[in-house]
N, C-alpha and C. Protein backbone atom coordinates (compact mmCIF):
# COMPACT_ATOMS: atom_id res chain seq x y z
N UNK A 1 36.10 91.66 79.86
CA UNK A 1 36.96 91.27 80.99
C UNK A 1 38.43 91.19 80.56
N UNK A 2 38.63 90.60 79.36
CA UNK A 2 40.00 90.48 78.85
C UNK A 2 40.63 91.86 78.63
N UNK A 3 39.81 92.82 78.20
CA UNK A 3 40.33 94.17 77.99
C UNK A 3 40.80 94.78 79.31
N UNK A 4 40.03 94.50 80.36
CA UNK A 4 40.41 95.04 81.68
C UNK A 4 41.71 94.41 82.16
N UNK A 5 41.81 93.09 81.96
CA UNK A 5 43.03 92.38 82.37
C UNK A 5 44.24 92.90 81.61
N UNK A 6 44.06 93.11 80.29
CA UNK A 6 45.16 93.63 79.48
C UNK A 6 45.56 95.04 79.93
N UNK A 7 44.55 95.85 80.24
CA UNK A 7 44.83 97.22 80.68
C UNK A 7 45.59 97.23 81.99
N UNK A 8 45.17 96.35 82.93
CA UNK A 8 45.86 96.26 84.22
C UNK A 8 47.28 95.78 84.02
N UNK A 9 47.45 94.77 83.14
CA UNK A 9 48.79 94.24 82.86
C UNK A 9 49.69 95.32 82.26
N UNK A 10 49.13 96.07 81.33
CA UNK A 10 49.90 97.12 80.66
C UNK A 10 50.31 98.21 81.64
N UNK A 11 49.37 98.62 82.51
CA UNK A 11 49.68 99.65 83.51
C UNK A 11 50.72 99.15 84.51
N UNK A 12 50.60 97.86 84.88
CA UNK A 12 51.60 97.29 85.81
C UNK A 12 52.98 97.27 85.18
N UNK A 13 53.03 96.94 83.90
CA UNK A 13 54.31 96.91 83.19
C UNK A 13 54.93 98.29 83.11
N UNK A 14 54.10 99.30 82.83
CA UNK A 14 54.60 100.67 82.80
C UNK A 14 55.13 101.10 84.16
N UNK A 15 54.44 100.70 85.21
CA UNK A 15 54.85 101.05 86.57
C UNK A 15 56.21 100.43 86.90
N UNK A 16 56.39 99.15 86.52
CA UNK A 16 57.66 98.47 86.79
C UNK A 16 58.80 99.11 86.02
N UNK A 17 58.54 99.48 84.76
CA UNK A 17 59.58 100.12 83.94
C UNK A 17 59.95 101.48 84.53
N UNK A 18 58.91 102.22 84.95
CA UNK A 18 59.17 103.55 85.51
C UNK A 18 59.97 103.46 86.80
N UNK A 19 59.62 102.50 87.65
CA UNK A 19 60.34 102.36 88.93
C UNK A 19 61.75 101.84 88.73
N UNK A 20 61.89 100.88 87.84
CA UNK A 20 63.20 100.28 87.63
C UNK A 20 64.13 101.14 86.82
N UNK A 21 63.56 101.92 85.89
CA UNK A 21 64.41 102.69 84.99
C UNK A 21 65.08 103.88 85.66
N UNK A 22 64.46 104.41 86.72
CA UNK A 22 64.99 105.60 87.36
C UNK A 22 66.32 105.36 88.05
N UNK A 23 66.57 104.13 88.50
CA UNK A 23 67.80 103.85 89.24
C UNK A 23 68.87 103.22 88.38
N UNK A 24 68.70 103.25 87.06
CA UNK A 24 69.68 102.62 86.17
C UNK A 24 71.00 103.36 86.18
N UNK A 25 72.04 102.63 85.81
CA UNK A 25 73.38 103.21 85.76
C UNK A 25 73.78 103.43 84.31
N UNK A 26 74.35 104.58 84.03
CA UNK A 26 74.83 104.90 82.69
C UNK A 26 76.35 105.02 82.72
N UNK A 27 77.02 104.28 81.89
CA UNK A 27 78.48 104.30 81.82
C UNK A 27 78.91 104.79 80.46
N UNK A 28 79.79 105.78 80.44
CA UNK A 28 80.31 106.30 79.18
C UNK A 28 81.84 106.25 79.21
N UNK A 29 82.44 105.89 78.13
CA UNK A 29 83.89 105.89 78.02
C UNK A 29 84.37 107.30 77.66
N UNK A 30 85.42 107.74 78.37
CA UNK A 30 85.96 109.07 78.09
C UNK A 30 87.46 108.97 77.87
N UNK A 31 88.04 110.01 77.35
CA UNK A 31 89.48 110.06 77.11
C UNK A 31 90.22 109.95 78.45
N UNK A 32 91.16 108.98 78.58
CA UNK A 32 91.91 108.84 79.84
C UNK A 32 92.66 110.11 80.24
N UNK A 33 92.96 110.97 79.26
CA UNK A 33 93.68 112.21 79.56
C UNK A 33 92.75 113.40 79.83
N UNK A 34 91.44 113.14 79.78
CA UNK A 34 90.48 114.22 80.03
C UNK A 34 90.55 114.66 81.48
N UNK A 35 90.37 115.96 81.70
CA UNK A 35 90.39 116.51 83.06
C UNK A 35 88.98 116.38 83.64
N UNK A 36 88.83 115.47 84.61
CA UNK A 36 87.54 115.26 85.28
C UNK A 36 87.78 115.38 86.78
N UNK A 37 87.07 116.30 87.42
CA UNK A 37 87.26 116.53 88.85
C UNK A 37 85.88 116.53 89.52
N UNK A 38 85.43 115.36 89.97
CA UNK A 38 84.10 115.24 90.54
C UNK A 38 84.05 115.59 92.02
N UNK A 39 85.01 115.12 92.78
CA UNK A 39 84.96 115.26 94.23
C UNK A 39 85.81 116.41 94.76
N UNK A 40 86.77 116.86 93.97
CA UNK A 40 87.71 117.87 94.45
C UNK A 40 88.92 117.26 95.12
N UNK A 41 88.93 115.95 95.28
CA UNK A 41 90.07 115.29 95.90
C UNK A 41 91.19 115.09 94.88
N UNK A 42 92.36 114.67 95.38
CA UNK A 42 93.50 114.32 94.52
C UNK A 42 93.06 113.23 93.56
N UNK A 43 93.38 113.40 92.28
CA UNK A 43 92.96 112.40 91.30
C UNK A 43 94.06 112.14 90.27
N UNK A 44 93.73 111.34 89.24
CA UNK A 44 94.73 110.94 88.25
C UNK A 44 95.27 112.13 87.47
N UNK A 45 94.44 113.15 87.24
CA UNK A 45 94.90 114.33 86.52
C UNK A 45 95.94 115.08 87.34
N UNK A 46 95.68 115.25 88.63
CA UNK A 46 96.67 115.89 89.51
C UNK A 46 97.99 115.12 89.48
N UNK A 47 97.90 113.81 89.60
CA UNK A 47 99.10 112.97 89.63
C UNK A 47 99.93 113.14 88.36
N UNK A 48 99.27 113.07 87.21
CA UNK A 48 99.99 113.14 85.93
C UNK A 48 100.59 114.52 85.70
N UNK A 49 99.81 115.57 85.93
CA UNK A 49 100.29 116.92 85.66
C UNK A 49 101.41 117.33 86.61
N UNK A 50 101.27 116.97 87.89
CA UNK A 50 102.31 117.30 88.87
C UNK A 50 103.60 116.57 88.55
N UNK A 51 103.50 115.28 88.22
CA UNK A 51 104.69 114.51 87.89
C UNK A 51 105.40 115.10 86.67
N UNK A 52 104.66 115.40 85.63
CA UNK A 52 105.26 115.95 84.41
C UNK A 52 105.95 117.28 84.68
N UNK A 53 105.25 118.16 85.41
CA UNK A 53 105.79 119.50 85.66
C UNK A 53 107.03 119.46 86.55
N UNK A 54 106.97 118.64 87.61
CA UNK A 54 108.09 118.61 88.56
C UNK A 54 109.32 117.92 87.96
N UNK A 55 109.13 116.86 87.20
CA UNK A 55 110.27 116.19 86.57
C UNK A 55 110.90 117.09 85.52
N UNK A 56 110.07 117.82 84.77
CA UNK A 56 110.60 118.76 83.78
C UNK A 56 111.44 119.83 84.46
N UNK A 57 110.95 120.35 85.58
CA UNK A 57 111.71 121.37 86.32
C UNK A 57 113.01 120.78 86.86
N UNK A 58 112.93 119.58 87.41
CA UNK A 58 114.11 118.92 87.97
C UNK A 58 115.23 118.77 86.95
N UNK A 59 114.87 118.29 85.77
CA UNK A 59 115.88 118.00 84.76
C UNK A 59 116.42 119.26 84.07
N UNK A 60 115.77 120.40 84.30
CA UNK A 60 116.22 121.65 83.66
C UNK A 60 117.18 122.43 84.54
N UNK A 61 117.46 121.96 85.74
CA UNK A 61 118.28 122.71 86.69
C UNK A 61 119.77 122.44 86.50
N UNK A 62 120.64 123.31 87.06
CA UNK A 62 122.10 123.22 86.83
C UNK A 62 122.73 121.88 87.22
N UNK A 63 122.18 121.18 88.22
CA UNK A 63 122.80 119.93 88.66
C UNK A 63 122.97 118.95 87.51
N UNK A 64 122.00 118.99 86.54
CA UNK A 64 122.04 117.99 85.47
C UNK A 64 123.28 118.14 84.60
N UNK A 65 123.52 119.34 84.09
CA UNK A 65 124.69 119.55 83.24
C UNK A 65 125.99 119.29 84.01
N UNK A 66 126.00 119.70 85.28
CA UNK A 66 127.20 119.47 86.09
C UNK A 66 127.51 117.98 86.23
N UNK A 67 126.48 117.18 86.51
CA UNK A 67 126.70 115.75 86.68
C UNK A 67 126.99 115.06 85.36
N UNK A 68 126.32 115.51 84.29
CA UNK A 68 126.55 114.91 82.99
C UNK A 68 128.00 115.12 82.55
N UNK A 69 128.51 116.33 82.74
CA UNK A 69 129.90 116.61 82.38
C UNK A 69 130.88 115.83 83.25
N UNK A 70 130.55 115.69 84.52
CA UNK A 70 131.41 114.97 85.44
C UNK A 70 131.44 113.47 85.11
N UNK A 71 130.28 112.91 84.79
CA UNK A 71 130.17 111.48 84.54
C UNK A 71 130.45 111.12 83.09
N UNK A 72 130.15 112.04 82.18
CA UNK A 72 130.32 111.76 80.76
C UNK A 72 129.22 110.89 80.20
N UNK A 73 128.12 110.78 80.93
CA UNK A 73 126.97 109.97 80.50
C UNK A 73 125.74 110.42 81.28
N UNK A 74 124.59 109.89 80.89
CA UNK A 74 123.36 110.23 81.60
C UNK A 74 123.44 109.82 83.07
N UNK A 75 123.02 110.67 83.99
CA UNK A 75 122.93 110.26 85.39
C UNK A 75 121.91 109.13 85.54
N UNK A 76 122.13 108.27 86.53
CA UNK A 76 121.20 107.16 86.79
C UNK A 76 120.40 107.47 88.05
N UNK A 77 119.07 107.36 87.93
CA UNK A 77 118.16 107.77 89.00
C UNK A 77 117.34 106.59 89.48
N UNK A 78 117.07 106.55 90.79
CA UNK A 78 116.14 105.61 91.37
C UNK A 78 115.15 106.40 92.23
N UNK A 79 113.90 105.96 92.26
CA UNK A 79 112.91 106.62 93.10
C UNK A 79 112.83 105.89 94.43
N UNK A 80 113.01 106.66 95.52
CA UNK A 80 112.89 106.10 96.86
C UNK A 80 111.46 106.23 97.37
N UNK A 81 111.31 106.49 98.65
CA UNK A 81 109.98 106.59 99.24
C UNK A 81 109.36 107.96 98.98
N UNK A 82 108.10 107.92 98.57
CA UNK A 82 107.29 109.13 98.47
C UNK A 82 106.13 108.93 99.44
N UNK A 83 106.10 109.70 100.49
CA UNK A 83 105.14 109.46 101.58
C UNK A 83 103.88 110.30 101.41
N UNK A 84 102.75 109.65 101.63
CA UNK A 84 101.46 110.34 101.62
C UNK A 84 101.16 110.81 103.04
N UNK A 85 101.30 112.12 103.28
CA UNK A 85 101.00 112.71 104.59
C UNK A 85 99.71 113.53 104.54
N UNK A 86 98.94 113.35 103.49
CA UNK A 86 97.70 114.11 103.33
C UNK A 86 96.58 113.49 104.16
N UNK A 87 95.42 114.15 104.15
CA UNK A 87 94.25 113.65 104.87
C UNK A 87 93.54 112.55 104.10
N UNK A 88 93.92 112.33 102.84
CA UNK A 88 93.23 111.38 101.99
C UNK A 88 93.99 110.06 101.88
N UNK A 89 93.23 109.02 101.54
CA UNK A 89 93.87 107.74 101.20
C UNK A 89 94.23 107.82 99.72
N UNK A 90 95.49 108.03 99.44
CA UNK A 90 95.95 108.19 98.05
C UNK A 90 96.86 107.03 97.69
N UNK A 91 96.60 106.43 96.53
CA UNK A 91 97.48 105.39 96.02
C UNK A 91 98.73 106.07 95.47
N UNK A 92 99.74 106.18 96.30
CA UNK A 92 100.94 106.92 95.94
C UNK A 92 101.71 106.25 94.82
N UNK A 93 101.47 104.93 94.60
CA UNK A 93 102.16 104.21 93.54
C UNK A 93 101.83 104.78 92.16
N UNK A 94 100.61 105.28 92.01
CA UNK A 94 100.22 105.89 90.73
C UNK A 94 101.07 107.12 90.45
N UNK A 95 101.28 107.94 91.47
CA UNK A 95 102.12 109.13 91.33
C UNK A 95 103.57 108.74 91.03
N UNK A 96 104.07 107.71 91.70
CA UNK A 96 105.44 107.24 91.45
C UNK A 96 105.58 106.76 90.01
N UNK A 97 104.58 106.01 89.53
CA UNK A 97 104.63 105.53 88.14
C UNK A 97 104.60 106.68 87.15
N UNK A 98 103.84 107.73 87.46
CA UNK A 98 103.81 108.90 86.58
C UNK A 98 105.19 109.57 86.54
N UNK A 99 105.88 109.61 87.67
CA UNK A 99 107.22 110.19 87.70
C UNK A 99 108.22 109.31 86.96
N UNK A 100 108.10 108.00 87.13
CA UNK A 100 108.97 107.07 86.40
C UNK A 100 108.81 107.26 84.90
N UNK A 101 107.55 107.37 84.45
CA UNK A 101 107.30 107.56 83.03
C UNK A 101 107.93 108.85 82.53
N UNK A 102 107.75 109.94 83.30
CA UNK A 102 108.31 111.23 82.89
C UNK A 102 109.83 111.18 82.84
N UNK A 103 110.45 110.50 83.80
CA UNK A 103 111.92 110.38 83.81
C UNK A 103 112.43 109.57 82.62
N UNK A 104 111.84 108.42 82.40
CA UNK A 104 112.29 107.55 81.31
C UNK A 104 112.05 108.20 79.96
N UNK A 105 110.88 108.77 79.77
CA UNK A 105 110.53 109.37 78.48
C UNK A 105 111.33 110.64 78.18
N UNK A 106 111.94 111.23 79.21
CA UNK A 106 112.75 112.43 78.98
C UNK A 106 113.99 112.10 78.14
N UNK A 107 114.48 110.86 78.24
CA UNK A 107 115.67 110.45 77.49
C UNK A 107 116.95 111.06 78.02
N UNK A 108 116.88 111.75 79.15
CA UNK A 108 118.06 112.45 79.66
C UNK A 108 118.67 111.77 80.88
N UNK A 109 117.99 110.77 81.43
CA UNK A 109 118.54 110.03 82.57
C UNK A 109 118.34 108.54 82.34
N UNK A 110 119.20 107.74 82.96
CA UNK A 110 118.95 106.30 83.02
C UNK A 110 118.18 106.04 84.30
N UNK A 111 117.39 104.99 84.29
CA UNK A 111 116.49 104.75 85.41
C UNK A 111 116.60 103.29 85.84
N UNK A 112 116.76 103.07 87.16
CA UNK A 112 116.87 101.71 87.66
C UNK A 112 115.71 101.40 88.60
N UNK A 113 115.45 100.09 88.78
CA UNK A 113 114.33 99.64 89.61
C UNK A 113 114.54 100.02 91.07
N UNK A 114 113.42 100.19 91.78
CA UNK A 114 113.51 100.54 93.20
C UNK A 114 113.85 99.30 94.04
N UNK A 115 113.97 99.49 95.35
CA UNK A 115 114.46 98.43 96.23
C UNK A 115 113.58 97.19 96.18
N UNK A 116 112.25 97.38 96.24
CA UNK A 116 111.34 96.24 96.24
C UNK A 116 111.45 95.45 94.94
N UNK A 117 111.53 96.15 93.81
CA UNK A 117 111.63 95.47 92.54
C UNK A 117 112.99 94.78 92.37
N UNK A 118 114.04 95.40 92.92
CA UNK A 118 115.36 94.77 92.84
C UNK A 118 115.39 93.44 93.58
N UNK A 119 114.71 93.37 94.73
CA UNK A 119 114.64 92.10 95.47
C UNK A 119 113.98 91.02 94.63
N UNK A 120 112.92 91.39 93.93
CA UNK A 120 112.22 90.43 93.07
C UNK A 120 113.12 89.97 91.91
N UNK A 121 113.87 90.93 91.34
CA UNK A 121 114.77 90.60 90.24
C UNK A 121 115.91 89.69 90.72
N UNK A 122 116.41 89.96 91.92
CA UNK A 122 117.48 89.12 92.47
C UNK A 122 117.00 87.70 92.71
N UNK A 123 115.75 87.56 93.16
CA UNK A 123 115.18 86.22 93.34
C UNK A 123 115.12 85.48 92.00
N UNK A 124 114.77 86.21 90.94
CA UNK A 124 114.71 85.59 89.62
C UNK A 124 116.10 85.15 89.16
N UNK A 125 117.11 86.00 89.40
CA UNK A 125 118.49 85.65 89.01
C UNK A 125 118.96 84.43 89.79
N UNK A 126 118.63 84.38 91.09
CA UNK A 126 119.00 83.22 91.90
C UNK A 126 118.32 81.96 91.39
N UNK A 127 117.09 82.08 90.94
CA UNK A 127 116.38 80.93 90.39
C UNK A 127 117.01 80.48 89.08
N UNK A 128 117.43 81.43 88.26
CA UNK A 128 118.08 81.09 86.99
C UNK A 128 119.39 80.34 87.20
N UNK A 129 120.08 80.68 88.30
CA UNK A 129 121.39 80.05 88.55
C UNK A 129 121.29 78.54 88.63
N UNK A 130 120.16 78.04 89.15
CA UNK A 130 120.04 76.60 89.28
C UNK A 130 119.13 75.96 88.27
N UNK A 131 118.51 76.78 87.39
CA UNK A 131 117.51 76.21 86.48
C UNK A 131 117.68 76.59 85.01
N UNK A 132 118.23 77.76 84.72
CA UNK A 132 118.36 78.19 83.32
C UNK A 132 119.67 77.67 82.73
N UNK A 133 119.70 77.60 81.41
CA UNK A 133 120.92 77.14 80.74
C UNK A 133 122.04 78.15 80.94
N UNK A 134 123.27 77.68 80.81
CA UNK A 134 124.43 78.55 81.04
C UNK A 134 124.45 79.72 80.06
N UNK A 135 123.96 79.46 78.85
CA UNK A 135 123.98 80.51 77.83
C UNK A 135 122.96 81.62 78.09
N UNK A 136 121.88 81.32 78.82
CA UNK A 136 120.81 82.31 78.98
C UNK A 136 120.71 82.88 80.40
N UNK A 137 121.34 82.22 81.37
CA UNK A 137 121.20 82.71 82.74
C UNK A 137 121.92 84.05 82.93
N UNK A 138 121.40 84.85 83.82
CA UNK A 138 121.98 86.16 84.13
C UNK A 138 122.77 86.07 85.43
N UNK A 139 123.90 86.79 85.47
CA UNK A 139 124.79 86.71 86.63
C UNK A 139 124.44 87.75 87.68
N UNK A 140 124.58 87.37 88.94
CA UNK A 140 124.41 88.31 90.04
C UNK A 140 125.60 89.26 90.09
N UNK A 141 125.41 90.41 90.72
CA UNK A 141 126.50 91.36 90.87
C UNK A 141 126.77 92.22 89.65
N UNK A 142 125.82 92.27 88.72
CA UNK A 142 126.00 93.06 87.51
C UNK A 142 125.04 94.24 87.43
N UNK A 143 124.48 94.62 88.56
CA UNK A 143 123.51 95.72 88.57
C UNK A 143 124.20 97.07 88.34
N UNK A 144 123.41 98.00 87.81
CA UNK A 144 123.89 99.37 87.65
C UNK A 144 123.51 100.16 88.89
N UNK A 145 124.47 100.76 89.54
CA UNK A 145 124.19 101.55 90.74
C UNK A 145 123.66 102.93 90.38
N UNK A 146 122.66 103.37 91.11
CA UNK A 146 122.09 104.70 90.87
C UNK A 146 123.03 105.79 91.39
N UNK A 147 123.03 106.91 90.70
CA UNK A 147 123.79 108.09 91.15
C UNK A 147 122.95 108.95 92.08
N UNK A 148 121.64 108.95 91.86
CA UNK A 148 120.74 109.87 92.56
C UNK A 148 119.46 109.16 92.98
N UNK A 149 118.91 109.61 94.11
CA UNK A 149 117.62 109.09 94.56
C UNK A 149 116.62 110.23 94.69
N UNK A 150 115.42 110.00 94.14
CA UNK A 150 114.34 110.98 94.23
C UNK A 150 113.37 110.55 95.33
N UNK A 151 113.15 111.41 96.30
CA UNK A 151 112.23 111.11 97.40
C UNK A 151 111.30 112.30 97.59
N UNK A 152 110.25 112.11 98.41
CA UNK A 152 109.37 113.24 98.63
C UNK A 152 108.18 112.91 99.49
N UNK A 153 107.23 113.85 99.51
CA UNK A 153 106.01 113.69 100.31
C UNK A 153 104.89 114.50 99.71
N UNK A 154 103.66 114.09 100.04
CA UNK A 154 102.46 114.78 99.60
C UNK A 154 101.68 115.17 100.85
N UNK A 155 101.45 116.47 101.05
CA UNK A 155 100.75 116.98 102.23
C UNK A 155 99.48 117.72 101.81
N UNK A 156 98.57 117.88 102.76
CA UNK A 156 97.34 118.61 102.46
C UNK A 156 96.85 119.37 103.68
N UNK A 157 96.10 120.44 103.43
CA UNK A 157 95.44 121.23 104.47
C UNK A 157 94.01 121.48 104.02
N UNK A 158 93.05 121.32 104.94
CA UNK A 158 91.64 121.56 104.62
C UNK A 158 91.15 122.77 105.39
N UNK A 159 90.45 123.65 104.68
CA UNK A 159 89.76 124.78 105.31
C UNK A 159 88.30 124.69 104.90
N UNK A 160 87.41 124.52 105.88
CA UNK A 160 86.01 124.27 105.57
C UNK A 160 85.10 125.13 106.43
N UNK A 161 84.04 125.62 105.80
CA UNK A 161 83.02 126.37 106.53
C UNK A 161 81.68 126.06 105.86
N UNK A 162 80.85 125.29 106.56
CA UNK A 162 79.55 124.92 106.00
C UNK A 162 79.72 124.10 104.73
N UNK A 163 79.09 124.57 103.67
CA UNK A 163 79.15 123.86 102.40
C UNK A 163 80.30 124.29 101.51
N UNK A 164 81.19 125.11 102.04
CA UNK A 164 82.34 125.56 101.26
C UNK A 164 83.61 124.94 101.82
N UNK A 165 84.49 124.55 100.92
CA UNK A 165 85.72 123.88 101.33
C UNK A 165 86.86 124.24 100.38
N UNK A 166 88.03 124.45 100.97
CA UNK A 166 89.24 124.64 100.18
C UNK A 166 90.23 123.55 100.60
N UNK A 167 90.71 122.82 99.62
CA UNK A 167 91.72 121.80 99.87
C UNK A 167 93.03 122.27 99.24
N UNK A 168 94.06 122.31 100.05
CA UNK A 168 95.39 122.73 99.60
C UNK A 168 96.33 121.53 99.64
N UNK A 169 96.96 121.26 98.52
CA UNK A 169 97.94 120.18 98.43
C UNK A 169 99.33 120.77 98.18
N UNK A 170 100.32 120.21 98.84
CA UNK A 170 101.71 120.59 98.55
C UNK A 170 102.51 119.32 98.34
N UNK A 171 103.17 119.23 97.20
CA UNK A 171 104.01 118.09 96.88
C UNK A 171 105.47 118.55 96.92
N UNK A 172 106.27 117.92 97.73
CA UNK A 172 107.69 118.26 97.87
C UNK A 172 108.53 117.08 97.40
N UNK A 173 109.50 117.36 96.54
CA UNK A 173 110.42 116.32 96.05
C UNK A 173 111.86 116.79 96.25
N UNK A 174 112.74 115.83 96.51
CA UNK A 174 114.16 116.12 96.67
C UNK A 174 114.97 115.09 95.88
N UNK A 175 116.00 115.57 95.21
CA UNK A 175 116.91 114.69 94.49
C UNK A 175 118.24 114.70 95.22
N UNK A 176 118.69 113.52 95.65
CA UNK A 176 119.86 113.41 96.53
C UNK A 176 120.96 112.59 95.88
N UNK A 177 122.18 113.11 95.94
CA UNK A 177 123.36 112.40 95.45
C UNK A 177 123.65 111.24 96.41
N UNK A 178 123.62 110.00 95.92
CA UNK A 178 123.80 108.84 96.79
C UNK A 178 125.21 108.73 97.35
N UNK A 179 126.20 109.23 96.62
CA UNK A 179 127.58 109.14 97.09
C UNK A 179 127.85 110.11 98.24
N UNK A 180 127.42 111.35 98.05
CA UNK A 180 127.73 112.39 99.03
C UNK A 180 126.57 112.73 99.96
N UNK A 181 125.36 112.24 99.63
CA UNK A 181 124.13 112.59 100.34
C UNK A 181 123.79 114.08 100.21
N UNK A 182 124.36 114.72 99.21
CA UNK A 182 124.09 116.13 98.96
C UNK A 182 122.79 116.27 98.18
N UNK A 183 121.93 117.20 98.60
CA UNK A 183 120.71 117.48 97.87
C UNK A 183 121.03 118.38 96.68
N UNK A 184 120.77 117.87 95.49
CA UNK A 184 121.12 118.64 94.29
C UNK A 184 119.92 119.40 93.72
N UNK A 185 118.72 119.02 94.14
CA UNK A 185 117.51 119.71 93.67
C UNK A 185 116.39 119.52 94.68
N UNK A 186 115.66 120.60 94.94
CA UNK A 186 114.45 120.56 95.76
C UNK A 186 113.35 121.26 94.98
N UNK A 187 112.23 120.59 94.83
CA UNK A 187 111.12 121.18 94.10
C UNK A 187 109.82 121.02 94.86
N UNK A 188 108.87 121.91 94.61
CA UNK A 188 107.55 121.79 95.21
C UNK A 188 106.49 122.24 94.23
N UNK A 189 105.33 121.69 94.40
CA UNK A 189 104.17 122.06 93.58
C UNK A 189 102.97 122.20 94.49
N UNK A 190 102.23 123.30 94.31
CA UNK A 190 101.06 123.57 95.15
C UNK A 190 99.79 123.54 94.30
N UNK A 191 98.75 122.93 94.86
CA UNK A 191 97.44 122.87 94.20
C UNK A 191 96.39 123.31 95.23
N UNK A 192 95.50 124.22 94.84
CA UNK A 192 94.42 124.64 95.73
C UNK A 192 93.10 124.46 94.99
N UNK A 193 92.15 123.76 95.65
CA UNK A 193 90.86 123.49 95.04
C UNK A 193 89.74 124.06 95.93
N UNK A 194 88.84 124.79 95.29
CA UNK A 194 87.67 125.33 96.00
C UNK A 194 86.46 124.48 95.64
N UNK A 195 85.75 124.01 96.66
CA UNK A 195 84.59 123.16 96.46
C UNK A 195 83.40 123.81 97.15
N UNK A 196 82.30 123.96 96.43
CA UNK A 196 81.09 124.54 97.00
C UNK A 196 79.92 123.60 96.72
N UNK A 197 79.28 123.11 97.78
CA UNK A 197 78.11 122.26 97.63
C UNK A 197 77.32 122.27 98.94
N UNK A 198 76.18 121.64 98.92
CA UNK A 198 75.28 121.68 100.07
C UNK A 198 75.90 121.01 101.29
N UNK A 199 76.53 119.87 101.06
CA UNK A 199 77.12 119.13 102.19
C UNK A 199 78.44 118.54 101.76
N UNK A 200 79.51 119.03 102.32
CA UNK A 200 80.84 118.52 102.00
C UNK A 200 81.13 117.32 102.88
N UNK A 201 81.50 116.23 102.25
CA UNK A 201 81.83 115.01 102.99
C UNK A 201 83.29 114.66 102.77
N UNK A 202 84.04 114.45 103.84
CA UNK A 202 85.44 114.10 103.74
C UNK A 202 85.58 112.60 103.59
């Protein structure tokens, strides 16, 4: 009788392991710079590569040498609004941060905080005025004004037939002289992705 009970217990245990093990989750760490495209949608690789390529193109154009010679120093840039006009919910802040990194790491421009961050910094300076020591407090009205503002948009077009889908992305950026409102550079980057599967879900 005990043998039968043990056999039933053992078979039950195997059944539970088999049922529970099939739905387990496996997590593996991968290189953050690895190109992984599971869904075909805009992802971190697109953001990083587009930012690097477009900023490199921007800084290689004639406006840079002209402004550098005129100013006698690195131009100062601020990033304005970059609008997501695509069909996807995209965290555009990630793309903006990738552009900020590319601009700063280029060493060819000075970079200042955007409007939202400047408001936060001004609040901190106002707080220091009444709370920090005279030797350490920072004075208002000492900000560096930007020479240029970078703005842009991200658009997309979908073409789908059954289980086949093509997603087209176009990223447009403009660099504008804040004094004259003259556009000194316009750049665009296009990405087209073909997706083939049984059922495409948007």
